C-alpha atoms as a PDB file:
ATOM      1  CA  MET A   1     103.215 125.363 106.502  1.00  0.00           C
ATOM      2  CA  THR A   2     102.253 122.217 108.400  1.00  0.00           C
ATOM      3  CA  ALA A   3     104.019 118.927 107.747  1.00  0.00           C
ATOM      4  CA  THR A   4     101.921 115.798 108.129  1.00  0.00           C
ATOM      5  CA  MET A   5     103.166 112.301 108.699  1.00  0.00           C
ATOM      6  CA  PRO A   6     102.280 109.629 106.135  1.00  0.00           C
ATOM      7  CA  ILE A   7      99.444 107.351 107.290  1.00  0.00           C
ATOM      8  CA  PRO A   8     100.375 103.627 107.357  1.00  0.00           C
ATOM      9  CA  VAL A   9      97.952 101.369 105.474  1.00  0.00           C
ATOM     10  CA  ILE A  10      97.707  97.857 104.024  1.00  0.00           C
ATOM     11  CA  ALA A  11      96.248  96.825 100.643  1.00  0.00           C
ATOM     12  CA  THR A  12      92.956  94.958 101.234  1.00  0.00           C
ATOM     13  CA  HIS A  13      93.108  93.085  97.914  1.00  0.00           C
ATOM     14  CA  ASP A  14      95.395  92.623  94.913  1.00  0.00           C
ATOM     15  CA  ILE A  15      95.656  95.939  93.037  1.00  0.00           C
ATOM     16  CA  GLN A  16      96.698  96.265  89.393  1.00  0.00           C
ATOM     17  CA  GLN A  17      97.058  99.603  87.608  1.00  0.00           C
ATOM     18  CA  ARG A  18      98.409 100.095  84.096  1.00  0.00           C
ATOM     19  CA  SER A  19     102.176 100.155  83.723  1.00  0.00           C
ATOM     20  CA  TYR A  20     102.797  99.518  87.440  1.00  0.00           C
ATOM     21  CA  PRO A  21     103.765  96.235  89.076  1.00  0.00           C
ATOM     22  CA  PRO A  22     100.844  94.514  90.823  1.00  0.00           C
ATOM     23  CA  ILE A  23     100.388  95.084  94.547  1.00  0.00           C
ATOM     24  CA  LYS A  24      99.395  91.974  96.494  1.00  0.00           C
ATOM     25  CA  ALA A  25      96.810  91.999  99.294  1.00  0.00           C
ATOM     26  CA  GLY A  26      98.527  92.676 102.613  1.00  0.00           C
ATOM     27  CA  THR A  27     101.304  94.842 101.142  1.00  0.00           C
ATOM     28  CA  PRO A  28     102.170  97.716 103.503  1.00  0.00           C
ATOM     29  CA  GLY A  29     102.169 101.302 102.318  1.00  0.00           C
ATOM     30  CA  GLU A  30     101.694 104.919 103.344  1.00  0.00           C
ATOM     31  CA  ILE A  31      99.068 107.433 102.261  1.00  0.00           C
ATOM     32  CA  THR A  32     101.055 110.359 100.905  1.00  0.00           C
ATOM     33  CA  ASP A  33      98.183 112.472  99.522  1.00  0.00           C
ATOM     34  CA  VAL A  34      94.403 112.734  99.807  1.00  0.00           C
ATOM     35  CA  GLY A  35      92.399 114.292  96.995  1.00  0.00           C
ATOM     36  CA  GLY A  36      89.036 114.413  95.336  1.00  0.00           C
ATOM     37  CA  ALA A  37      86.013 116.641  95.635  1.00  0.00           C
ATOM     38  CA  SER A  38      82.939 114.417  95.738  1.00  0.00           C
ATOM     39  CA  THR A  39      84.803 111.117  96.202  1.00  0.00           C
ATOM     40  CA  VAL A  40      87.930 110.845  98.320  1.00  0.00           C
ATOM     41  CA  SER A  41      90.912 109.284  96.577  1.00  0.00           C
ATOM     42  CA  TYR A  42      94.298 108.400  97.989  1.00  0.00           C
ATOM     43  CA  THR A  43      97.854 108.335  96.679  1.00  0.00           C
ATOM     44  CA  VAL A  44      99.740 105.511  98.369  1.00  0.00           C
ATOM     45  CA  MET A  45     103.409 104.550  98.298  1.00  0.00           C
ATOM     46  CA  PHE A  46     103.619 100.762  98.706  1.00  0.00           C
ATOM     47  CA  ARG A  47     106.708  98.792  99.700  1.00  0.00           C
ATOM     48  CA  PRO A  48     106.422  95.371  98.051  1.00  0.00           C
ATOM     49  CA  ALA A  49     108.727  92.627  99.335  1.00  0.00           C
ATOM     50  CA  GLU A  50     110.154  92.226  95.810  1.00  0.00           C
ATOM     51  CA  GLY A  51     111.997  95.545  95.735  1.00  0.00           C
ATOM     52  CA  ASP A  52     111.428  99.215  94.966  1.00  0.00           C
ATOM     53  CA  THR A  53     108.535 101.335  96.165  1.00  0.00           C
ATOM     54  CA  VAL A  54     105.458 101.653  93.961  1.00  0.00           C
ATOM     55  CA  THR A  55     103.226 104.750  94.119  1.00  0.00           C
ATOM     56  CA  LEU A  56      99.591 104.323  93.029  1.00  0.00           C
ATOM     57  CA  ARG A  57      97.038 107.108  92.670  1.00  0.00           C
ATOM     58  CA  ASP A  58      93.247 107.220  92.765  1.00  0.00           C
ATOM     59  CA  LEU A  59      92.792 104.458  95.330  1.00  0.00           C
ATOM     60  CA  GLY A  60      89.584 104.354  97.366  1.00  0.00           C
ATOM     61  CA  ARG A  61      88.614 103.392 100.898  1.00  0.00           C
ATOM     62  CA  MET A  62      87.819  99.825  99.881  1.00  0.00           C
ATOM     63  CA  ASP A  63      91.406  99.371  98.613  1.00  0.00           C
ATOM     64  CA  LEU A  64      93.036 100.129 101.984  1.00  0.00           C
ATOM     65  CA  ARG A  65      92.854  99.524 105.710  1.00  0.00           C
ATOM     66  CA  GLU A  66      94.798 101.051 108.564  1.00  0.00           C
ATOM     67  CA  ALA A  67      98.037  99.289 109.426  1.00  0.00           C
END
């Protein structure tokens, strides 16, 4: 079993998903999972300045950039 380190990223724009607090552009996060067959999607744990971590799924390449 190989352990991989989370990949640091930054939100490229404001992101809003149902029942989760909004993530503002520039918020740092880490890719924790990569999925998808025909289209790659990412699960990212963000760390907003306001408090707790927020994990969003099904994000695409246009939603993120390397930190």
